C-alpha atoms as a PDB file:
ATOM      1  CA  UNK A   1      89.931   3.191  40.832  1.00  0.00           C
ATOM      2  CA  UNK A   2      91.429   5.142  38.058  1.00  0.00           C
ATOM      3  CA  UNK A   3      94.387   6.158  40.286  1.00  0.00           C
ATOM      4  CA  UNK A   4      95.007   2.668  41.474  1.00  0.00           C
ATOM      5  CA  UNK A   5      95.034   1.430  37.869  1.00  0.00           C
ATOM      6  CA  UNK A   6      97.416   4.120  36.738  1.00  0.00           C
ATOM      7  CA  UNK A   7      99.800   3.436  39.638  1.00  0.00           C
ATOM      8  CA  UNK A   8      99.754  -0.330  38.781  1.00  0.00           C
ATOM      9  CA  UNK A   9     100.514   0.456  35.138  1.00  0.00           C
ATOM     10  CA  UNK A  10     103.330   2.735  36.165  1.00  0.00           C
ATOM     11  CA  UNK A  11     104.805   0.178  38.514  1.00  0.00           C
ATOM     12  CA  UNK A  12     104.498  -2.408  35.778  1.00  0.00           C
ATOM     13  CA  UNK A  13     106.315  -0.127  33.356  1.00  0.00           C
ATOM     14  CA  UNK A  14     109.001   0.731  35.845  1.00  0.00           C
ATOM     15  CA  UNK A  15     109.528  -2.915  36.742  1.00  0.00           C
ATOM     16  CA  UNK A  16     109.820  -3.829  33.019  1.00  0.00           C
ATOM     17  CA  UNK A  17     112.358  -1.017  32.503  1.00  0.00           C
ATOM     18  CA  UNK A  18     114.500  -2.103  35.434  1.00  0.00           C
ATOM     19  CA  UNK A  19     114.418  -5.684  34.193  1.00  0.00           C
ATOM     20  CA  UNK A  20     115.528  -4.600  30.723  1.00  0.00           C
ATOM     21  CA  UNK A  21     118.399  -2.467  32.205  1.00  0.00           C
ATOM     22  CA  UNK A  22     119.409  -5.409  34.339  1.00  0.00           C
ATOM     23  CA  UNK A  23     119.641  -7.610  31.209  1.00  0.00           C
ATOM     24  CA  UNK A  24     121.722  -4.951  29.390  1.00  0.00           C
ATOM     25  CA  UNK A  25     124.086  -4.741  32.331  1.00  0.00           C
ATOM     26  CA  UNK A  26     124.453  -8.452  32.406  1.00  0.00           C
ATOM     27  CA  UNK A  27     125.136  -8.625  28.644  1.00  0.00           C
ATOM     28  CA  UNK A  28     127.810  -5.769  29.060  1.00  0.00           C
ATOM     29  CA  UNK A  29     129.463  -7.618  31.962  1.00  0.00           C
ATOM     30  CA  UNK A  30     129.501 -10.792  29.876  1.00  0.00           C
ATOM     31  CA  UNK A  31     131.094  -8.982  26.964  1.00  0.00           C
ATOM     32  CA  UNK A  32     133.709  -7.430  29.297  1.00  0.00           C
ATOM     33  CA  UNK A  33     134.530 -10.771  30.837  1.00  0.00           C
ATOM     34  CA  UNK A  34     134.804 -12.325  27.388  1.00  0.00           C
ATOM     35  CA  UNK A  35     137.111  -9.478  26.223  1.00  0.00           C
ATOM     36  CA  UNK A  36     139.238  -9.898  29.349  1.00  0.00           C
ATOM     37  CA  UNK A  37     139.569 -13.584  28.584  1.00  0.00           C
ATOM     38  CA  UNK A  38     140.541 -12.835  25.059  1.00  0.00           C
ATOM     39  CA  UNK A  39     143.143 -10.285  26.139  1.00  0.00           C
ATOM     40  CA  UNK A  40     144.558 -12.731  28.644  1.00  0.00           C
ATOM     41  CA  UNK A  41     144.773 -15.459  26.013  1.00  0.00           C
ATOM     42  CA  UNK A  42     146.462 -13.109  23.619  1.00  0.00           C
ATOM     43  CA  UNK A  43     149.022 -12.018  26.165  1.00  0.00           C
ATOM     44  CA  UNK A  44     149.667 -15.690  26.947  1.00  0.00           C
ATOM     45  CA  UNK A  45     150.087 -16.568  23.232  1.00  0.00           C
ATOM     46  CA  UNK A  46     152.513 -13.556  22.787  1.00  0.00           C
ATOM     47  CA  UNK A  47     154.592 -14.571  25.831  1.00  0.00           C
ATOM     48  CA  UNK A  48     154.635 -18.193  24.620  1.00  0.00           C
ATOM     49  CA  UNK A  49     155.706 -17.160  21.153  1.00  0.00           C
ATOM     50  CA  UNK A  50     158.544 -15.060  22.614  1.00  0.00           C
ATOM     51  CA  UNK A  51     159.632 -18.032  24.686  1.00  0.00           C
ATOM     52  CA  UNK A  52     159.699 -20.269  21.693  1.00  0.00           C
ATOM     53  CA  UNK A  53     161.665 -17.696  19.634  1.00  0.00           C
ATOM     54  CA  UNK A  54     164.185 -17.375  22.332  1.00  0.00           C
ATOM     55  CA  UNK A  55     164.685 -21.078  22.551  1.00  0.00           C
ATOM     56  CA  UNK A  56     165.051 -21.384  18.760  1.00  0.00           C
ATOM     57  CA  UNK A  57     167.605 -18.570  18.731  1.00  0.00           C
ATOM     58  CA  UNK A  58     169.505 -20.089  21.677  1.00  0.00           C
ATOM     59  CA  UNK A  59     169.570 -23.523  19.993  1.00  0.00           C
ATOM     60  CA  UNK A  60     170.738 -21.959  16.750  1.00  0.00           C
ATOM     61  CA  UNK A  61     173.652 -20.209  18.660  1.00  0.00           C
ATOM     62  CA  UNK A  62     174.670 -23.431  20.397  1.00  0.00           C
ATOM     63  CA  UNK A  63     174.696 -25.307  17.139  1.00  0.00           C
ATOM     64  CA  UNK A  64     176.747 -22.663  15.370  1.00  0.00           C
ATOM     65  CA  UNK A  65     179.377 -22.641  18.275  1.00  0.00           C
ATOM     66  CA  UNK A  66     179.400 -26.415  18.141  1.00  0.00           C
ATOM     67  CA  UNK A  67     179.999 -26.438  14.407  1.00  0.00           C
ATOM     68  CA  UNK A  68     182.820 -23.835  14.684  1.00  0.00           C
ATOM     69  CA  UNK A  69     184.675 -25.784  17.528  1.00  0.00           C
ATOM     70  CA  UNK A  70     184.288 -29.027  15.523  1.00  0.00           C
ATOM     71  CA  UNK A  71     185.778 -27.305  12.515  1.00  0.00           C
ATOM     72  CA  UNK A  72     188.570 -25.792  14.699  1.00  0.00           C
ATOM     73  CA  UNK A  73     189.345 -29.234  16.259  1.00  0.00           C
ATOM     74  CA  UNK A  74     189.630 -30.901  12.821  1.00  0.00           C
ATOM     75  CA  UNK A  75     192.051 -28.156  11.721  1.00  0.00           C
ATOM     76  CA  UNK A  76     194.094 -28.672  14.886  1.00  0.00           C
ATOM     77  CA  UNK A  77     194.470 -32.293  13.977  1.00  0.00           C
ATOM     78  CA  UNK A  78     196.099 -31.157  10.681  1.00  0.00           C
ATOM     79  CA  UNK A  79     198.318 -28.780  12.741  1.00  0.00           C
ATOM     80  CA  UNK A  80     199.486 -31.636  14.917  1.00  0.00           C
ATOM     81  CA  UNK A  81     200.263 -33.684  11.750  1.00  0.00           C
ATOM     82  CA  UNK A  82     202.083 -30.784  10.224  1.00  0.00           C
ATOM     83  CA  UNK A  83     204.316 -30.391  13.333  1.00  0.00           C
ATOM     84  CA  UNK A  84     204.993 -34.157  13.582  1.00  0.00           C
ATOM     85  CA  UNK A  85     205.991 -34.532   9.992  1.00  0.00           C
ATOM     86  CA  UNK A  86     207.181 -30.908   9.259  1.00  0.00           C
ATOM     87  CA  UNK A  87     204.975 -30.986   6.149  1.00  0.00           C
ATOM     88  CA  UNK A  88     204.432 -27.598   4.411  1.00  0.00           C
ATOM     89  CA  UNK A  89     201.397 -29.025   2.751  1.00  0.00           C
ATOM     90  CA  UNK A  90     199.880 -29.948   6.120  1.00  0.00           C
ATOM     91  CA  UNK A  91     200.695 -26.515   7.603  1.00  0.00           C
ATOM     92  CA  UNK A  92     198.887 -24.952   4.528  1.00  0.00           C
ATOM     93  CA  UNK A  93     195.869 -27.267   4.919  1.00  0.00           C
ATOM     94  CA  UNK A  94     195.588 -26.484   8.572  1.00  0.00           C
ATOM     95  CA  UNK A  95     195.756 -22.697   7.925  1.00  0.00           C
ATOM     96  CA  UNK A  96     193.026 -22.941   5.220  1.00  0.00           C
ATOM     97  CA  UNK A  97     190.836 -25.071   7.538  1.00  0.00           C
ATOM     98  CA  UNK A  98     191.130 -22.651  10.356  1.00  0.00           C
ATOM     99  CA  UNK A  99     190.193 -19.668   8.150  1.00  0.00           C
ATOM    100  CA  UNK A 100     187.259 -21.592   6.745  1.00  0.00           C
ATOM    101  CA  UNK A 101     185.945 -22.114  10.279  1.00  0.00           C
ATOM    102  CA  UNK A 102     185.772 -18.361  10.927  1.00  0.00           C
ATOM    103  CA  UNK A 103     184.507 -17.369   7.473  1.00  0.00           C
ATOM    104  CA  UNK A 104     181.520 -19.657   7.916  1.00  0.00           C
ATOM    105  CA  UNK A 105     180.542 -18.038  11.248  1.00  0.00           C
ATOM    106  CA  UNK A 106     177.486 -15.844  10.835  1.00  0.00           C
ATOM    107  CA  UNK A 107     177.361 -14.379  14.307  1.00  0.00           C
ATOM    108  CA  UNK A 108     180.972 -14.066  15.787  1.00  0.00           C
ATOM    109  CA  UNK A 109     179.395 -13.333  19.277  1.00  0.00           C
ATOM    110  CA  UNK A 110     178.642 -17.038  19.799  1.00  0.00           C
ATOM    111  CA  UNK A 111     182.358 -17.770  20.113  1.00  0.00           C
ATOM    112  CA  UNK A 112     184.589 -16.419  22.863  1.00  0.00           C
ATOM    113  CA  UNK A 113     186.838 -13.738  21.325  1.00  0.00           C
ATOM    114  CA  UNK A 114     189.966 -15.150  22.676  1.00  0.00           C
ATOM    115  CA  UNK A 115     189.217 -18.475  20.997  1.00  0.00           C
ATOM    116  CA  UNK A 116     188.713 -16.753  17.650  1.00  0.00           C
ATOM    117  CA  UNK A 117     191.944 -14.746  18.102  1.00  0.00           C
ATOM    118  CA  UNK A 118     193.967 -17.836  18.768  1.00  0.00           C
ATOM    119  CA  UNK A 119     192.546 -19.790  15.843  1.00  0.00           C
ATOM    120  CA  UNK A 120     193.115 -16.838  13.506  1.00  0.00           C
ATOM    121  CA  UNK A 121     196.728 -16.268  14.716  1.00  0.00           C
ATOM    122  CA  UNK A 122     197.494 -19.962  14.266  1.00  0.00           C
ATOM    123  CA  UNK A 123     196.126 -19.824  10.731  1.00  0.00           C
ATOM    124  CA  UNK A 124     198.526 -16.870   9.935  1.00  0.00           C
ATOM    125  CA  UNK A 125     201.434 -18.668  11.627  1.00  0.00           C
ATOM    126  CA  UNK A 126     200.792 -21.827   9.724  1.00  0.00           C
ATOM    127  CA  UNK A 127     200.631 -20.021   6.370  1.00  0.00           C
ATOM    128  CA  UNK A 128     204.038 -18.600   7.186  1.00  0.00           C
ATOM    129  CA  UNK A 129     205.381 -22.072   8.111  1.00  0.00           C
ATOM    130  CA  UNK A 130     204.026 -23.420   4.815  1.00  0.00           C
ATOM    131  CA  UNK A 131     206.074 -20.771   3.068  1.00  0.00           C
ATOM    132  CA  UNK A 132     203.091 -18.750   1.775  1.00  0.00           C
ATOM    133  CA  UNK A 133     204.238 -15.332   2.987  1.00  0.00           C
ATOM    134  CA  UNK A 134     201.462 -13.526   0.972  1.00  0.00           C
ATOM    135  CA  UNK A 135     198.708 -15.520   2.630  1.00  0.00           C
ATOM    136  CA  UNK A 136     200.303 -14.891   6.059  1.00  0.00           C
ATOM    137  CA  UNK A 137     200.440 -11.225   5.337  1.00  0.00           C
ATOM    138  CA  UNK A 138     196.737 -11.103   4.322  1.00  0.00           C
ATOM    139  CA  UNK A 139     195.840 -13.187   7.353  1.00  0.00           C
ATOM    140  CA  UNK A 140     197.510 -10.729   9.557  1.00  0.00           C
ATOM    141  CA  UNK A 141     195.758  -7.738   7.990  1.00  0.00           C
ATOM    142  CA  UNK A 142     192.471  -9.653   8.550  1.00  0.00           C
ATOM    143  CA  UNK A 143     193.465 -10.314  12.197  1.00  0.00           C
ATOM    144  CA  UNK A 144     194.325  -6.696  12.906  1.00  0.00           C
ATOM    145  CA  UNK A 145     191.035  -5.575  11.287  1.00  0.00           C
ATOM    146  CA  UNK A 146     188.888  -8.161  13.176  1.00  0.00           C
ATOM    147  CA  UNK A 147     190.584  -7.585  16.515  1.00  0.00           C
ATOM    148  CA  UNK A 148     191.622  -3.947  16.261  1.00  0.00           C
ATOM    149  CA  UNK A 149     194.236  -2.926  18.989  1.00  0.00           C
ATOM    150  CA  UNK A 150     194.424  -6.431  20.366  1.00  0.00           C
ATOM    151  CA  UNK A 151     197.346  -8.898  20.396  1.00  0.00           C
ATOM    152  CA  UNK A 152     198.377 -12.382  21.688  1.00  0.00           C
ATOM    153  CA  UNK A 153     201.603 -13.199  23.386  1.00  0.00           C
ATOM    154  CA  UNK A 154     203.926 -16.097  23.205  1.00  0.00           C
ATOM    155  CA  UNK A 155     205.198 -17.882  26.350  1.00  0.00           C
ATOM    156  CA  UNK A 156     208.313 -15.725  26.309  1.00  0.00           C
ATOM    157  CA  UNK A 157     206.147 -12.592  26.294  1.00  0.00           C
ATOM    158  CA  UNK A 158     206.908 -11.600  22.686  1.00  0.00           C
ATOM    159  CA  UNK A 159     204.021 -10.138  20.606  1.00  0.00           C
ATOM    160  CA  UNK A 160     202.311 -12.214  17.943  1.00  0.00           C
ATOM    161  CA  UNK A 161     201.508  -9.158  15.853  1.00  0.00           C
ATOM    162  CA  UNK A 162     205.025  -7.711  16.113  1.00  0.00           C
ATOM    163  CA  UNK A 163     206.618 -10.982  15.391  1.00  0.00           C
ATOM    164  CA  UNK A 164     204.555 -11.660  12.248  1.00  0.00           C
ATOM    165  CA  UNK A 165     205.006  -8.133  11.030  1.00  0.00           C
ATOM    166  CA  UNK A 166     208.738  -8.560  11.125  1.00  0.00           C
ATOM    167  CA  UNK A 167     208.685 -12.010   9.490  1.00  0.00           C
ATOM    168  CA  UNK A 168     206.487 -10.894   6.617  1.00  0.00           C
ATOM    169  CA  UNK A 169     208.376  -7.618   6.332  1.00  0.00           C
ATOM    170  CA  UNK A 170     205.424  -5.391   6.984  1.00  0.00           C
ATOM    171  CA  UNK A 171     207.728  -3.061   8.920  1.00  0.00           C
ATOM    172  CA  UNK A 172     210.656  -1.623   7.012  1.00  0.00           C
ATOM    173  CA  UNK A 173     214.073  -2.489   8.575  1.00  0.00           C
ATOM    174  CA  UNK A 174     214.787   1.239   9.401  1.00  0.00           C
ATOM    175  CA  UNK A 175     211.687   1.387  11.662  1.00  0.00           C
ATOM    176  CA  UNK A 176     212.674  -1.792  13.583  1.00  0.00           C
ATOM    177  CA  UNK A 177     216.418  -0.971  13.589  1.00  0.00           C
ATOM    178  CA  UNK A 178     218.207  -3.846  15.140  1.00  0.00           C
ATOM    179  CA  UNK A 179     214.827  -5.244  16.221  1.00  0.00           C
ATOM    180  CA  UNK A 180     215.700  -4.376  19.817  1.00  0.00           C
ATOM    181  CA  UNK A 181     212.661  -2.162  20.046  1.00  0.00           C
ATOM    182  CA  UNK A 182     210.289  -4.722  18.575  1.00  0.00           C
ATOM    183  CA  UNK A 183     208.452  -7.070  20.950  1.00  0.00           C
ATOM    184  CA  UNK A 184     209.946 -10.082  19.137  1.00  0.00           C
ATOM    185  CA  UNK A 185     211.630 -13.207  20.679  1.00  0.00           C
ATOM    186  CA  UNK A 186     215.431 -13.278  20.726  1.00  0.00           C
ATOM    187  CA  UNK A 187     215.374 -16.358  18.520  1.00  0.00           C
ATOM    188  CA  UNK A 188     213.440 -14.574  15.809  1.00  0.00           C
ATOM    189  CA  UNK A 189     215.717 -11.558  16.150  1.00  0.00           C
ATOM    190  CA  UNK A 190     218.837 -13.696  15.761  1.00  0.00           C
ATOM    191  CA  UNK A 191     217.338 -15.365  12.706  1.00  0.00           C
ATOM    192  CA  UNK A 192     216.467 -12.043  11.044  1.00  0.00           C
ATOM    193  CA  UNK A 193     219.931 -10.773  11.730  1.00  0.00           C
ATOM    194  CA  UNK A 194     221.475 -13.863  10.230  1.00  0.00           C
ATOM    195  CA  UNK A 195     219.268 -13.490   7.107  1.00  0.00           C
ATOM    196  CA  UNK A 196     220.196  -9.773   6.718  1.00  0.00           C
ATOM    197  CA  UNK A 197     223.857 -10.630   7.110  1.00  0.00           C
ATOM    198  CA  UNK A 198     223.791 -13.121   4.222  1.00  0.00           C
ATOM    199  CA  UNK A 199     221.727 -10.913   2.060  1.00  0.00           C
ATOM    200  CA  UNK A 200     224.437  -8.176   2.268  1.00  0.00           C
ATOM    201  CA  UNK A 201     227.486 -10.539   1.803  1.00  0.00           C
END
């Protein structure tokens, strides 16, 4: 009787222990599942935040590009008016407007480099047409700094940089010689020769 009673007690104790272990395992599994859910939610929130940040940045870039092109287009209206009326004041206003567009651009990467080069070159050219040689010279310096080693070309193949350098006298006459070695249009060369002729009369 004693043995049977002891066995029953042992079995009861063992069963209770197993039941307790089972509960512990279930609690641990529940905790693991909850942690997994939290981790999944956290990753989902991170991915969602990254997506939102990307869209915000992209929208900012689109708006910046739109503002720059609107500014450029308004400056081009002044340029058209200047060419129609041969107004030095309009040329000066167009040049200043074009430079203002670029100076207000926080991230130059949002605008195609060729577009920016053309706008800056036109600003320099219009300063020269307005008679402001000093502003044209400064503008050319800025152009060469912003677009190092690059150039634009007129329809006849002549160089923008070389042409403006000659016109604002950035290159001494002895380095240009008769201008035959400079990539400058024949019209500009003829005009420079005419000016030099009358200077030495």
